PDB file of N, CA and C in Angstrom:
ATOM      1  N   MET A   1     -16.960  17.004  12.957  1.00  0.00           N
ATOM      2  CA  MET A   1     -15.665  16.328  12.226  1.00  0.00           C
ATOM      3  C   MET A   1     -15.869  16.311  11.169  1.00  0.00           C
ATOM      4  N   GLY A   2     -16.551  15.452  10.732  1.00  0.00           N
ATOM      5  CA  GLY A   2     -17.324  14.782   9.755  1.00  0.00           C
ATOM      6  C   GLY A   2     -16.904  15.272   8.336  1.00  0.00           C
ATOM      7  N   ARG A   3     -17.131  17.000   8.689  1.00  0.00           N
ATOM      8  CA  ARG A   3     -17.121  17.786   7.389  1.00  0.00           C
ATOM      9  C   ARG A   3     -16.265  17.966   7.436  1.00  0.00           C
ATOM     10  N   ILE A   4     -15.371  18.473   8.041  1.00  0.00           N
ATOM     11  CA  ILE A   4     -13.961  18.645   8.002  1.00  0.00           C
ATOM     12  C   ILE A   4     -13.402  17.447   7.133  1.00  0.00           C
ATOM     13  N   TRP A   5     -13.067  16.431   7.378  1.00  0.00           N
ATOM     14  CA  TRP A   5     -12.569  15.274   6.807  1.00  0.00           C
ATOM     15  C   TRP A   5     -13.767  15.285   5.082  1.00  0.00           C
ATOM     16  N   MET A   6     -14.858  15.831   5.059  1.00  0.00           N
ATOM     17  CA  MET A   6     -15.251  15.990   3.710  1.00  0.00           C
ATOM     18  C   MET A   6     -14.700  16.668   3.013  1.00  0.00           C
ATOM     19  N   VAL A   7     -14.680  18.088   3.591  1.00  0.00           N
ATOM     20  CA  VAL A   7     -13.735  19.474   2.904  1.00  0.00           C
ATOM     21  C   VAL A   7     -12.084  19.188   2.724  1.00  0.00           C
ATOM     22  N   LEU A   8     -11.768  18.091   3.270  1.00  0.00           N
ATOM     23  CA  LEU A   8     -10.348  17.846   3.144  1.00  0.00           C
ATOM     24  C   LEU A   8     -10.291  17.050   2.094  1.00  0.00           C
ATOM     25  N   GLY A   9     -10.961  16.282   1.860  1.00  0.00           N
ATOM     26  CA  GLY A   9     -11.083  15.102   0.774  1.00  0.00           C
ATOM     27  C   GLY A   9     -11.187  15.470  -0.929  1.00  0.00           C
ATOM     28  N   ALA A  10     -11.961  16.279  -0.173  1.00  0.00           N
ATOM     29  CA  ALA A  10     -12.787  16.873  -1.350  1.00  0.00           C
ATOM     30  C   ALA A  10     -11.548  18.414  -2.229  1.00  0.00           C
ATOM     31  N   PHE A  11     -10.670  18.890  -1.019  1.00  0.00           N
ATOM     32  CA  PHE A  11      -9.605  19.692  -1.760  1.00  0.00           C
ATOM     33  C   PHE A  11      -8.699  18.828  -1.998  1.00  0.00           C
ATOM     34  N   ASN A  12      -8.332  17.994  -1.543  1.00  0.00           N
ATOM     35  CA  ASN A  12      -6.929  16.788  -1.488  1.00  0.00           C
ATOM     36  C   ASN A  12      -7.656  16.070  -3.132  1.00  0.00           C
ATOM     37  N   ALA A  13      -8.766  15.705  -3.490  1.00  0.00           N
ATOM     38  CA  ALA A  13      -9.001  15.417  -4.651  1.00  0.00           C
ATOM     39  C   ALA A  13      -8.580  16.526  -5.799  1.00  0.00           C
ATOM     40  N   PHE A  14      -9.322  17.989  -5.366  1.00  0.00           N
ATOM     41  CA  PHE A  14      -9.436  18.502  -6.267  1.00  0.00           C
ATOM     42  C   PHE A  14      -7.539  19.093  -6.806  1.00  0.00           C
ATOM     43  N   LEU A  15      -6.747  18.799  -5.683  1.00  0.00           N
ATOM     44  CA  LEU A  15      -5.258  19.272  -5.724  1.00  0.00           C
ATOM     45  C   LEU A  15      -4.665  17.897  -6.571  1.00  0.00           C
ATOM     46  N   SER A  16      -5.487  16.633  -6.380  1.00  0.00           N
ATOM     47  CA  SER A  16      -4.860  15.672  -7.115  1.00  0.00           C
ATOM     48  C   SER A  16      -5.042  15.970  -8.086  1.00  0.00           C
ATOM     49  N   VAL A  17      -6.267  17.084  -9.181  1.00  0.00           N
ATOM     50  CA  VAL A  17      -6.360  16.656 -10.484  1.00  0.00           C
ATOM     51  C   VAL A  17      -5.669  17.576 -11.328  1.00  0.00           C
ATOM     52  N   ALA A  18      -5.295  18.805 -10.255  1.00  0.00           N
ATOM     53  CA  ALA A  18      -4.540  19.781 -10.654  1.00  0.00           C
ATOM     54  C   ALA A  18      -2.634  19.095 -10.950  1.00  0.00           C
ATOM     55  N   LEU A  19      -2.573  18.726 -10.090  1.00  0.00           N
ATOM     56  CA  LEU A  19      -1.100  18.118  -9.872  1.00  0.00           C
ATOM     57  C   LEU A  19      -0.959  16.793 -11.086  1.00  0.00           C
ATOM     58  N   GLY A  20      -2.341  16.232 -11.597  1.00  0.00           N
ATOM     59  CA  GLY A  20      -2.278  15.155 -12.147  1.00  0.00           C
ATOM     60  C   GLY A  20      -2.137  15.965 -13.740  1.00  0.00           C
ATOM     61  N   ALA A  21      -2.417  17.142 -13.736  1.00  0.00           N
ATOM     62  CA  ALA A  21      -2.940  17.771 -15.172  1.00  0.00           C
ATOM     63  C   ALA A  21      -1.499  18.611 -15.342  1.00  0.00           C
ATOM     64  N   PHE A  22      -0.590  18.837 -14.034  1.00  0.00           N
ATOM     65  CA  PHE A  22       0.448  19.684 -14.384  1.00  0.00           C
ATOM     66  C   PHE A  22       1.603  18.466 -14.774  1.00  0.00           C
ATOM     67  N   GLY A  23       1.376  17.539 -14.488  1.00  0.00           N
ATOM     68  CA  GLY A  23       2.135  16.579 -14.999  1.00  0.00           C
ATOM     69  C   GLY A  23       2.349  15.945 -15.952  1.00  0.00           C
ATOM     70  N   ALA A  24       0.309  15.779 -16.365  1.00  0.00           N
ATOM     71  CA  ALA A  24       1.048  15.389 -17.794  1.00  0.00           C
ATOM     72  C   ALA A  24       1.229  16.048 -19.288  1.00  0.00           C
ATOM     73  N   HIS A  25       0.805  17.421 -18.570  1.00  0.00           N
ATOM     74  CA  HIS A  25       1.271  18.758 -19.566  1.00  0.00           C
ATOM     75  C   HIS A  25       2.606  19.686 -19.147  1.00  0.00           C
ATOM     76  N   GLY A  26       3.107  20.102 -17.733  1.00  0.00           N
ATOM     77  CA  GLY A  26       3.846  20.518 -17.294  1.00  0.00           C
ATOM     78  C   GLY A  26       5.086  19.907 -17.583  1.00  0.00           C
ATOM     79  N   LEU A  27       5.119  18.380 -16.922  1.00  0.00           N
ATOM     80  CA  LEU A  27       6.987  17.916 -16.826  1.00  0.00           C
ATOM     81  C   LEU A  27       6.826  17.029 -18.095  1.00  0.00           C
ATOM     82  N   ARG A  28       6.165  16.419 -18.528  1.00  0.00           N
ATOM     83  CA  ARG A  28       6.473  15.741 -19.909  1.00  0.00           C
ATOM     84  C   ARG A  28       7.519  16.406 -20.615  1.00  0.00           C
ATOM     85  N   GLY A  29       8.346  15.940 -21.071  1.00  0.00           N
ATOM     86  CA  GLY A  29       9.020  16.102 -21.700  1.00  0.00           C
ATOM     87  C   GLY A  29      10.846  16.713 -21.169  1.00  0.00           C
ATOM     88  N   HIS A  30      10.392  17.059 -19.003  1.00  0.00           N
ATOM     89  CA  HIS A  30      11.777  17.715 -18.757  1.00  0.00           C
ATOM     90  C   HIS A  30      11.798  16.950 -17.675  1.00  0.00           C
ATOM     91  N   ILE A  31      10.950  16.326 -17.993  1.00  0.00           N
ATOM     92  CA  ILE A  31      11.768  14.500 -16.633  1.00  0.00           C
ATOM     93  C   ILE A  31      11.392  13.998 -17.228  1.00  0.00           C
ATOM     94  N   SER A  32      12.275  12.825 -16.885  1.00  0.00           N
ATOM     95  CA  SER A  32      12.780  11.266 -17.535  1.00  0.00           C
ATOM     96  C   SER A  32      10.838  10.767 -17.232  1.00  0.00           C
ATOM     97  N   GLU A  33      11.357   9.414 -18.268  1.00  0.00           N
ATOM     98  CA  GLU A  33      10.026   8.683 -18.202  1.00  0.00           C
ATOM     99  C   GLU A  33      10.203   8.394 -17.101  1.00  0.00           C
ATOM    100  N   ARG A  34      10.799   7.877 -16.054  1.00  0.00           N
ATOM    101  CA  ARG A  34      10.671   7.096 -14.422  1.00  0.00           C
ATOM    102  C   ARG A  34      10.321   7.925 -13.609  1.00  0.00           C
ATOM    103  N   LEU A  35      10.656   9.419 -14.042  1.00  0.00           N
ATOM    104  CA  LEU A  35      10.508   9.896 -12.853  1.00  0.00           C
ATOM    105  C   LEU A  35       8.983  10.957 -12.668  1.00  0.00           C
ATOM    106  N   LEU A  36       8.203  10.234 -14.119  1.00  0.00           N
ATOM    107  CA  LEU A  36       6.794  11.247 -14.687  1.00  0.00           C
ATOM    108  C   LEU A  36       6.288   9.726 -14.039  1.00  0.00           C
ATOM    109  N   THR A  37       6.787   8.708 -14.446  1.00  0.00           N
ATOM    110  CA  THR A  37       5.860   7.095 -13.655  1.00  0.00           C
ATOM    111  C   THR A  37       5.865   7.733 -11.582  1.00  0.00           C
ATOM    112  N   VAL A  38       6.772   7.875 -11.465  1.00  0.00           N
ATOM    113  CA  VAL A  38       6.917   7.994  -9.820  1.00  0.00           C
ATOM    114  C   VAL A  38       5.850   9.744  -9.599  1.00  0.00           C
ATOM    115  N   TYR A  39       6.022  10.523 -10.232  1.00  0.00           N
ATOM    116  CA  TYR A  39       4.751  11.520 -10.057  1.00  0.00           C
ATOM    117  C   TYR A  39       3.607  11.029 -10.267  1.00  0.00           C
ATOM    118  N   HIS A  40       3.302   9.802 -10.874  1.00  0.00           N
ATOM    119  CA  HIS A  40       2.050   9.584 -11.530  1.00  0.00           C
ATOM    120  C   HIS A  40       1.349   8.799 -10.298  1.00  0.00           C
ATOM    121  N   THR A  41       2.287   8.345  -9.787  1.00  0.00           N
ATOM    122  CA  THR A  41       2.117   7.313  -8.831  1.00  0.00           C
ATOM    123  C   THR A  41       1.264   8.096  -7.854  1.00  0.00           C
ATOM    124  N   GLY A  42       2.018   8.870  -7.471  1.00  0.00           N
ATOM    125  CA  GLY A  42       1.659  10.044  -6.359  1.00  0.00           C
ATOM    126  C   GLY A  42       0.414  10.512  -6.471  1.00  0.00           C
ATOM    127  N   VAL A  43       0.465  10.888  -7.674  1.00  0.00           N
ATOM    128  CA  VAL A  43      -1.210  11.794  -8.162  1.00  0.00           C
ATOM    129  C   VAL A  43      -2.227  10.505  -8.122  1.00  0.00           C
ATOM    130  N   GLU A  44      -1.845   9.253  -8.184  1.00  0.00           N
ATOM    131  CA  GLU A  44      -3.227   8.013  -8.086  1.00  0.00           C
ATOM    132  C   GLU A  44      -3.811   7.832  -5.809  1.00  0.00           C
ATOM    133  N   TYR A  45      -1.849   8.016  -5.616  1.00  0.00           N
ATOM    134  CA  TYR A  45      -2.380   7.485  -4.280  1.00  0.00           C
ATOM    135  C   TYR A  45      -3.314   8.869  -3.902  1.00  0.00           C
ATOM    136  N   GLN A  46      -3.188   9.825  -3.878  1.00  0.00           N
ATOM    137  CA  GLN A  46      -3.413  10.651  -3.335  1.00  0.00           C
ATOM    138  C   GLN A  46      -4.991  11.413  -3.932  1.00  0.00           C
ATOM    139  N   MET A  47      -5.332  10.415  -4.731  1.00  0.00           N
ATOM    140  CA  MET A  47      -7.010  10.712  -5.110  1.00  0.00           C
ATOM    141  C   MET A  47      -7.442   9.954  -4.812  1.00  0.00           C
ATOM    142  N   SER A  48      -6.672   8.593  -4.676  1.00  0.00           N
ATOM    143  CA  SER A  48      -8.171   7.265  -4.154  1.00  0.00           C
ATOM    144  C   SER A  48      -8.207   7.882  -2.335  1.00  0.00           C
ATOM    145  N   HIS A  49      -6.924   7.946  -1.893  1.00  0.00           N
ATOM    146  CA  HIS A  49      -7.134   8.639  -0.120  1.00  0.00           C
ATOM    147  C   HIS A  49      -8.091  10.046  -0.132  1.00  0.00           C
ATOM    148  N   ALA A  50      -7.935  10.733  -1.157  1.00  0.00           N
ATOM    149  CA  ALA A  50      -9.512  11.624  -1.251  1.00  0.00           C
ATOM    150  C   ALA A  50     -10.398  11.345  -0.801  1.00  0.00           C
ATOM    151  N   LEU A  51     -10.480  10.636  -1.929  1.00  0.00           N
ATOM    152  CA  LEU A  51     -11.934   9.735  -1.615  1.00  0.00           C
ATOM    153  C   LEU A  51     -12.451   9.066  -0.724  1.00  0.00           C
ATOM    154  N   ALA A  52     -11.435   8.371  -0.269  1.00  0.00           N
ATOM    155  CA  ALA A  52     -11.675   7.886   1.106  1.00  0.00           C
ATOM    156  C   ALA A  52     -11.719   8.610   2.289  1.00  0.00           C
ATOM    157  N   LEU A  53     -11.255   9.692   1.730  1.00  0.00           N
ATOM    158  CA  LEU A  53     -11.249  10.954   3.257  1.00  0.00           C
ATOM    159  C   LEU A  53     -12.788  11.277   3.146  1.00  0.00           C
ATOM    160  N   PHE A  54     -12.815  11.813   2.069  1.00  0.00           N
ATOM    161  CA  PHE A  54     -14.286  12.148   1.907  1.00  0.00           C
ATOM    162  C   PHE A  54     -15.515  11.314   2.254  1.00  0.00           C
ATOM    163  N   ALA A  55     -15.606   9.663   1.715  1.00  0.00           N
ATOM    164  CA  ALA A  55     -16.033   8.877   2.368  1.00  0.00           C
ATOM    165  C   ALA A  55     -16.240   8.698   4.232  1.00  0.00           C
ATOM    166  N   LEU A  56     -15.212   8.915   4.599  1.00  0.00           N
ATOM    167  CA  LEU A  56     -14.691   9.001   6.213  1.00  0.00           C
ATOM    168  C   LEU A  56     -15.318  10.121   6.686  1.00  0.00           C
ATOM    169  N   GLY A  57     -15.487  11.157   6.260  1.00  0.00           N
ATOM    170  CA  GLY A  57     -16.090  12.251   6.627  1.00  0.00           C
ATOM    171  C   GLY A  57     -17.286  11.996   6.700  1.00  0.00           C
ATOM    172  N   ILE A  58     -18.391  11.479   5.272  1.00  0.00           N
ATOM    173  CA  ILE A  58     -19.589  11.207   5.798  1.00  0.00           C
ATOM    174  C   ILE A  58     -19.804  10.241   6.330  1.00  0.00           C
ATOM    175  N   TRP A  59     -19.386   9.085   6.958  1.00  0.00           N
ATOM    176  CA  TRP A  59     -19.717   7.869   7.810  1.00  0.00           C
ATOM    177  C   TRP A  59     -19.193   8.599   8.918  1.00  0.00           C
ATOM    178  N   LEU A  60     -18.852   9.663   9.487  1.00  0.00           N
ATOM    179  CA  LEU A  60     -18.254  10.037  10.523  1.00  0.00           C
ATOM    180  C   LEU A  60     -19.695  10.976  10.942  1.00  0.00           C
ATOM    181  N   GLU A  61     -20.392  12.125  10.000  1.00  0.00           N
ATOM    182  CA  GLU A  61     -21.304  12.295  10.108  1.00  0.00           C
ATOM    183  C   GLU A  61     -22.455  12.000  10.437  1.00  0.00           C
ATOM    184  N   ARG A  62     -22.992  10.569  10.253  1.00  0.00           N
ATOM    185  CA  ARG A  62     -23.623   9.719  10.483  1.00  0.00           C
ATOM    186  C   ARG A  62     -23.484   8.714  11.351  1.00  0.00           C
ATOM    187  N   ASN A  63     -21.939   9.046  11.660  1.00  0.00           N
ATOM    188  CA  ASN A  63     -22.165   8.171  12.902  1.00  0.00           C
ATOM    189  C   ASN A  63     -20.772   8.940  14.199  1.00  0.00           C
ATOM    190  N   PRO A  64     -21.859  10.448  14.525  1.00  0.00           N
ATOM    191  CA  PRO A  64     -20.675  11.079  15.388  1.00  0.00           C
ATOM    192  C   PRO A  64     -19.685  10.228  16.549  1.00  0.00           C
ATOM    193  N   ARG A  65     -20.126   9.554  17.164  1.00  0.00           N
ATOM    194  CA  ARG A  65     -19.100   8.792  18.336  1.00  0.00           C
ATOM    195  C   ARG A  65     -18.724   7.613  17.864  1.00  0.00           C
ATOM    196  N   ALA A  66     -18.362   7.508  16.607  1.00  0.00           N
ATOM    197  CA  ALA A  66     -17.311   6.426  15.718  1.00  0.00           C
ATOM    198  C   ALA A  66     -15.957   6.032  16.674  1.00  0.00           C
ATOM    199  N   SER A  67     -15.655   5.648  17.321  1.00  0.00           N
ATOM    200  CA  SER A  67     -14.059   5.548  17.958  1.00  0.00           C
ATOM    201  C   SER A  67     -13.277   5.027  16.574  1.00  0.00           C
ATOM    202  N   PHE A  68     -11.703   6.001  16.754  1.00  0.00           N
ATOM    203  CA  PHE A  68     -10.953   5.694  16.243  1.00  0.00           C
ATOM    204  C   PHE A  68     -11.410   6.489  14.223  1.00  0.00           C
ATOM    205  N   GLY A  69     -13.029   7.134  14.162  1.00  0.00           N
ATOM    206  CA  GLY A  69     -12.745   7.375  12.969  1.00  0.00           C
ATOM    207  C   GLY A  69     -11.520   8.752  12.177  1.00  0.00           C
ATOM    208  N   ASN A  70     -11.897   9.781  13.385  1.00  0.00           N
ATOM    209  CA  ASN A  70     -11.080  10.558  13.441  1.00  0.00           C
ATOM    210  C   ASN A  70      -9.472   9.984  12.795  1.00  0.00           C
ATOM    211  N   LEU A  71      -9.149   9.276  14.079  1.00  0.00           N
ATOM    212  CA  LEU A  71      -8.058   8.794  13.746  1.00  0.00           C
ATOM    213  C   LEU A  71      -7.480   8.694  12.795  1.00  0.00           C
ATOM    214  N   ALA A  72      -8.127   7.322  12.012  1.00  0.00           N
ATOM    215  CA  ALA A  72      -8.276   6.897  10.489  1.00  0.00           C
ATOM    216  C   ALA A  72      -7.770   7.836   9.828  1.00  0.00           C
ATOM    217  N   ALA A  73      -8.610   8.640   9.609  1.00  0.00           N
ATOM    218  CA  ALA A  73      -8.744  10.032   8.634  1.00  0.00           C
ATOM    219  C   ALA A  73      -7.431  10.775   8.788  1.00  0.00           C
ATOM    220  N   ALA A  74      -6.904  11.312   9.906  1.00  0.00           N
ATOM    221  CA  ALA A  74      -5.712  12.196  10.383  1.00  0.00           C
ATOM    222  C   ALA A  74      -4.857  10.642   9.632  1.00  0.00           C
ATOM    223  N   LEU A  75      -4.846   9.897  10.329  1.00  0.00           N
ATOM    224  CA  LEU A  75      -3.601   8.982   9.213  1.00  0.00           C
ATOM    225  C   LEU A  75      -3.699   9.188   7.824  1.00  0.00           C
ATOM    226  N   LEU A  76      -5.279   8.612   7.162  1.00  0.00           N
ATOM    227  CA  LEU A  76      -4.857   9.017   5.493  1.00  0.00           C
ATOM    228  C   LEU A  76      -4.084  10.389   4.482  1.00  0.00           C
ATOM    229  N   LEU A  77      -4.914  11.477   5.898  1.00  0.00           N
ATOM    230  CA  LEU A  77      -3.936  12.492   5.518  1.00  0.00           C
ATOM    231  C   LEU A  77      -2.739  12.649   5.713  1.00  0.00           C
ATOM    232  N   THR A  78      -2.479  12.204   6.858  1.00  0.00           N
ATOM    233  CA  THR A  78      -0.461  12.148   6.592  1.00  0.00           C
ATOM    234  C   THR A  78      -0.444  11.090   6.117  1.00  0.00           C
ATOM    235  N   GLY A  79      -0.412  10.028   5.539  1.00  0.00           N
ATOM    236  CA  GLY A  79      -0.039   9.323   4.498  1.00  0.00           C
ATOM    237  C   GLY A  79      -0.399  10.207   2.981  1.00  0.00           C
ATOM    238  N   ILE A  80      -1.525  10.561   2.308  1.00  0.00           N
ATOM    239  CA  ILE A  80      -0.905  11.771   1.629  1.00  0.00           C
ATOM    240  C   ILE A  80       0.245  12.507   1.370  1.00  0.00           C
ATOM    241  N   VAL A  81       0.344  13.278   2.877  1.00  0.00           N
ATOM    242  CA  VAL A  81       0.956  14.426   2.397  1.00  0.00           C
ATOM    243  C   VAL A  81       2.755  13.793   2.528  1.00  0.00           C
ATOM    244  N   LEU A  82       2.621  12.360   3.223  1.00  0.00           N
ATOM    245  CA  LEU A  82       4.431  11.684   3.239  1.00  0.00           C
ATOM    246  C   LEU A  82       4.705  11.255   1.861  1.00  0.00           C
ATOM    247  N   PHE A  83       3.436  10.422   1.610  1.00  0.00           N
ATOM    248  CA  PHE A  83       3.620   9.226   0.530  1.00  0.00           C
ATOM    249  C   PHE A  83       3.461  10.019  -0.692  1.00  0.00           C
ATOM    250  N   SER A  84       2.140  10.996  -1.020  1.00  0.00           N
ATOM    251  CA  SER A  84       2.204  11.648  -2.137  1.00  0.00           C
ATOM    252  C   SER A  84       3.570  12.314  -2.344  1.00  0.00           C
ATOM    253  N   GLY A  85       3.607  13.536  -1.666  1.00  0.00           N
ATOM    254  CA  GLY A  85       4.415  14.817  -1.486  1.00  0.00           C
ATOM    255  C   GLY A  85       5.851  14.108  -1.556  1.00  0.00           C
ATOM    256  N   SER A  86       6.076  12.937  -0.863  1.00  0.00           N
ATOM    257  CA  SER A  86       7.652  12.650  -1.136  1.00  0.00           C
ATOM    258  C   SER A  86       7.625  12.217  -3.139  1.00  0.00           C
ATOM    259  N   LEU A  87       7.063  11.780  -3.225  1.00  0.00           N
ATOM    260  CA  LEU A  87       6.745  11.233  -4.794  1.00  0.00           C
ATOM    261  C   LEU A  87       7.060  12.581  -5.823  1.00  0.00           C
ATOM    262  N   TYR A  88       6.196  13.699  -5.117  1.00  0.00           N
ATOM    263  CA  TYR A  88       6.383  14.869  -5.840  1.00  0.00           C
ATOM    264  C   TYR A  88       7.551  15.334  -5.884  1.00  0.00           C
ATOM    265  N   LEU A  89       8.080  15.211  -5.027  1.00  0.00           N
ATOM    266  CA  LEU A  89       9.075  15.397  -4.705  1.00  0.00           C
ATOM    267  C   LEU A  89      10.499  15.420  -5.277  1.00  0.00           C
ATOM    268  N   LEU A  90      10.370  14.352  -5.311  1.00  0.00           N
ATOM    269  CA  LEU A  90      11.245  13.354  -5.944  1.00  0.00           C
ATOM    270  C   LEU A  90      11.473  13.606  -7.294  1.00  0.00           C
ATOM    271  N   ALA A  91      10.179  13.805  -7.938  1.00  0.00           N
ATOM    272  CA  ALA A  91       9.997  13.044  -8.881  1.00  0.00           C
ATOM    273  C   ALA A  91      10.266  14.374  -9.901  1.00  0.00           C
ATOM    274  N   VAL A  92      10.124  16.177  -9.388  1.00  0.00           N
ATOM    275  CA  VAL A  92      10.441  17.126  -9.607  1.00  0.00           C
ATOM    276  C   VAL A  92      11.842  17.195  -9.521  1.00  0.00           C
ATOM    277  N   THR A  93      13.079  16.855  -8.600  1.00  0.00           N
ATOM    278  CA  THR A  93      13.816  17.813  -7.566  1.00  0.00           C
ATOM    279  C   THR A  93      15.056  16.661  -8.425  1.00  0.00           C
ATOM    280  N   GLY A  94      14.365  15.207  -8.517  1.00  0.00           N
ATOM    281  CA  GLY A  94      15.232  13.899  -8.767  1.00  0.00           C
ATOM    282  C   GLY A  94      16.190  13.464  -7.595  1.00  0.00           C
ATOM    283  N   ASN A  95      15.469  14.372  -6.323  1.00  0.00           N
ATOM    284  CA  ASN A  95      16.816  13.623  -5.284  1.00  0.00           C
ATOM    285  C   ASN A  95      16.430  12.545  -4.334  1.00  0.00           C
ATOM    286  N   ARG A  96      17.104  11.444  -4.612  1.00  0.00           N
ATOM    287  CA  ARG A  96      16.503  10.708  -3.694  1.00  0.00           C
ATOM    288  C   ARG A  96      16.328  10.457  -2.481  1.00  0.00           C
ATOM    289  N   SER A  97      17.429  11.459  -1.816  1.00  0.00           N
ATOM    290  CA  SER A  97      17.467  10.849  -0.122  1.00  0.00           C
ATOM    291  C   SER A  97      15.748  11.504   0.061  1.00  0.00           C
ATOM    292  N   LEU A  98      14.530  11.736  -0.595  1.00  0.00           N
ATOM    293  CA  LEU A  98      13.702  11.977   0.033  1.00  0.00           C
ATOM    294  C   LEU A  98      12.485  10.854   0.222  1.00  0.00           C
ATOM    295  N   GLY A  99      13.327   9.846  -1.141  1.00  0.00           N
ATOM    296  CA  GLY A  99      12.240   8.495  -1.202  1.00  0.00           C
ATOM    297  C   GLY A  99      12.694   7.716   0.447  1.00  0.00           C
ATOM    298  N   ILE A 100      12.966   8.172   1.209  1.00  0.00           N
ATOM    299  CA  ILE A 100      13.180   7.375   2.321  1.00  0.00           C
ATOM    300  C   ILE A 100      11.784   7.637   3.312  1.00  0.00           C
ATOM    301  N   VAL A 101      11.212   9.137   3.032  1.00  0.00           N
ATOM    302  CA  VAL A 101       9.540   9.834   3.629  1.00  0.00           C
ATOM    303  C   VAL A 101       8.320   8.719   2.428  1.00  0.00           C
ATOM    304  N   THR A 102       8.932   7.828   2.249  1.00  0.00           N
ATOM    305  CA  THR A 102       7.643   7.574   1.092  1.00  0.00           C
ATOM    306  C   THR A 102       7.586   6.498   2.192  1.00  0.00           C
ATOM    307  N   PRO A 103       8.226   5.323   2.388  1.00  0.00           N
ATOM    308  CA  PRO A 103       7.873   4.062   3.321  1.00  0.00           C
ATOM    309  C   PRO A 103       6.267   4.581   4.395  1.00  0.00           C
ATOM    310  N   ILE A 104       7.234   5.775   5.615  1.00  0.00           N
ATOM    311  CA  ILE A 104       6.937   6.200   6.294  1.00  0.00           C
ATOM    312  C   ILE A 104       5.293   6.740   6.176  1.00  0.00           C
ATOM    313  N   GLY A 105       4.978   7.100   4.794  1.00  0.00           N
ATOM    314  CA  GLY A 105       3.140   7.514   4.249  1.00  0.00           C
ATOM    315  C   GLY A 105       2.849   6.019   3.574  1.00  0.00           C
ATOM    316  N   GLY A 106       3.217   5.090   3.574  1.00  0.00           N
ATOM    317  CA  GLY A 106       2.876   3.951   3.375  1.00  0.00           C
ATOM    318  C   GLY A 106       2.069   3.490   4.371  1.00  0.00           C
ATOM    319  N   VAL A 107       3.281   3.364   5.474  1.00  0.00           N
ATOM    320  CA  VAL A 107       2.415   2.897   7.077  1.00  0.00           C
ATOM    321  C   VAL A 107       1.344   3.142   7.121  1.00  0.00           C
ATOM    322  N   CYS A 108       1.656   4.983   7.186  1.00  0.00           N
ATOM    323  CA  CYS A 108       0.468   5.845   7.606  1.00  0.00           C
ATOM    324  C   CYS A 108      -0.667   4.784   6.540  1.00  0.00           C
ATOM    325  N   PHE A 109      -0.591   4.994   5.610  1.00  0.00           N
ATOM    326  CA  PHE A 109      -1.890   4.549   4.925  1.00  0.00           C
ATOM    327  C   PHE A 109      -2.476   3.609   4.834  1.00  0.00           C
ATOM    328  N   LEU A 110      -1.002   2.368   5.369  1.00  0.00           N
ATOM    329  CA  LEU A 110      -1.837   1.114   5.806  1.00  0.00           C
ATOM    330  C   LEU A 110      -2.734   1.080   7.451  1.00  0.00           C
ATOM    331  N   SER A 111      -1.536   2.287   8.104  1.00  0.00           N
ATOM    332  CA  SER A 111      -2.198   1.701   9.484  1.00  0.00           C
ATOM    333  C   SER A 111      -3.781   2.324   9.460  1.00  0.00           C
ATOM    334  N   GLY A 112      -4.085   3.125   8.573  1.00  0.00           N
ATOM    335  CA  GLY A 112      -5.133   4.459   8.328  1.00  0.00           C
ATOM    336  C   GLY A 112      -6.336   3.538   8.324  1.00  0.00           C
ATOM    337  N   TRP A 113      -6.032   2.240   7.474  1.00  0.00           N
ATOM    338  CA  TRP A 113      -7.088   1.566   6.999  1.00  0.00           C
ATOM    339  C   TRP A 113      -7.121   0.226   7.747  1.00  0.00           C
ATOM    340  N   ALA A 114      -6.712  -0.132   8.203  1.00  0.00           N
ATOM    341  CA  ALA A 114      -6.500  -1.298   9.531  1.00  0.00           C
ATOM    342  C   ALA A 114      -7.234   0.063  10.692  1.00  0.00           C
ATOM    343  N   VAL A 115      -7.177   0.778  11.072  1.00  0.00           N
ATOM    344  CA  VAL A 115      -8.223   1.583  11.742  1.00  0.00           C
ATOM    345  C   VAL A 115      -9.356   1.885  11.431  1.00  0.00           C
ATOM    346  N   VAL A 116      -9.440   1.744  10.124  1.00  0.00           N
ATOM    347  CA  VAL A 116     -11.187   2.181   9.433  1.00  0.00           C
ATOM    348  C   VAL A 116     -11.821   0.878   9.700  1.00  0.00           C
ATOM    349  N   VAL A 117     -11.116  -0.694   9.513  1.00  0.00           N
ATOM    350  CA  VAL A 117     -11.876  -1.721   9.869  1.00  0.00           C
ATOM    351  C   VAL A 117     -11.921  -1.459  11.495  1.00  0.00           C
ATOM    352  N   MET A 118     -10.667  -1.337  12.026  1.00  0.00           N
ATOM    353  CA  MET A 118     -11.966  -1.144  13.506  1.00  0.00           C
ATOM    354  C   MET A 118     -13.022  -0.477  13.962  1.00  0.00           C
ATOM    355  N   SER A 119     -12.643   1.167  13.077  1.00  0.00           N
ATOM    356  CA  SER A 119     -13.677   1.563  13.718  1.00  0.00           C
ATOM    357  C   SER A 119     -15.473   1.139  13.212  1.00  0.00           C
ATOM    358  N   VAL A 120     -15.348   0.585  11.946  1.00  0.00           N
ATOM    359  CA  VAL A 120     -16.099   0.307  11.191  1.00  0.00           C
ATOM    360  C   VAL A 120     -17.248  -0.854  12.769  1.00  0.00           C
ATOM    361  N   LEU A 121     -15.804  -1.660  12.176  1.00  0.00           N
ATOM    362  CA  LEU A 121     -16.175  -3.093  13.225  1.00  0.00           C
ATOM    363  C   LEU A 121     -16.955  -2.405  15.029  1.00  0.00           C
ATOM    364  N   ARG A 122     -16.976  -1.483  15.276  1.00  0.00           N
ATOM    365  CA  ARG A 122     -17.078  -1.081  16.614  1.00  0.00           C
ATOM    366  C   ARG A 122     -18.469  -0.137  16.420  1.00  0.00           C
ATOM    367  N   ALA A 123     -18.821   0.363  15.472  1.00  0.00           N
ATOM    368  CA  ALA A 123     -20.191   0.918  15.147  1.00  0.00           C
ATOM    369  C   ALA A 123     -20.920   0.701  15.569  1.00  0.00           C
ATOM    370  N   ARG A 124     -21.470   1.117  17.020  1.00  0.00           N
ATOM    371  CA  ARG A 124     -23.060   0.536  16.754  1.00  0.00           C
ATOM    372  C   ARG A 124     -24.471   1.105  16.165  1.00  0.00           C
ATOM    373  N   ARG A 125     -25.022   0.797  15.827  1.00  0.00           N
ATOM    374  CA  ARG A 125     -25.997   0.983  14.816  1.00  0.00           C
ATOM    375  C   ARG A 125     -26.914   1.858  15.473  1.00  0.00           C
TER     376      ARG A 125
END
C-alpha cells in the first residue's frame, strides 16, 4: 500500500501546484480577494497533506506491517478532498452552504495526524 500512498501524494502535490497556478492567474480579478484567500488556503492544505501522504507511503514501504498507517493515510486523503475541495468550491461558486463540509475535512486531518502518532509509536523496529 505504501506505493499507492506515494502515488496519491505525488498526484495531490501536482494537482495543488496546478490549482495554485489557476488561482493566481485564472481567478485573480474574477473573484473577491477574500474568496481568493479562501482558495489559497485550500491549496496550502492540499500541498502540505500531499507531502505527508508521500512521506507516509515511504514509511509504510519500510514498515509494511505498521498498524494504522493505512488508516492515517486514508484520513489525510479524505481531509484533502473534503477540506480543500470544499474551499475550492466555496471560492469559485460563492456558495456558503458548502462551508459546512470544511470542518469535517479538518477533523479528518486532525484524526489522521493522531493516527500517525499512534502508528509510529506502535511500530516495531
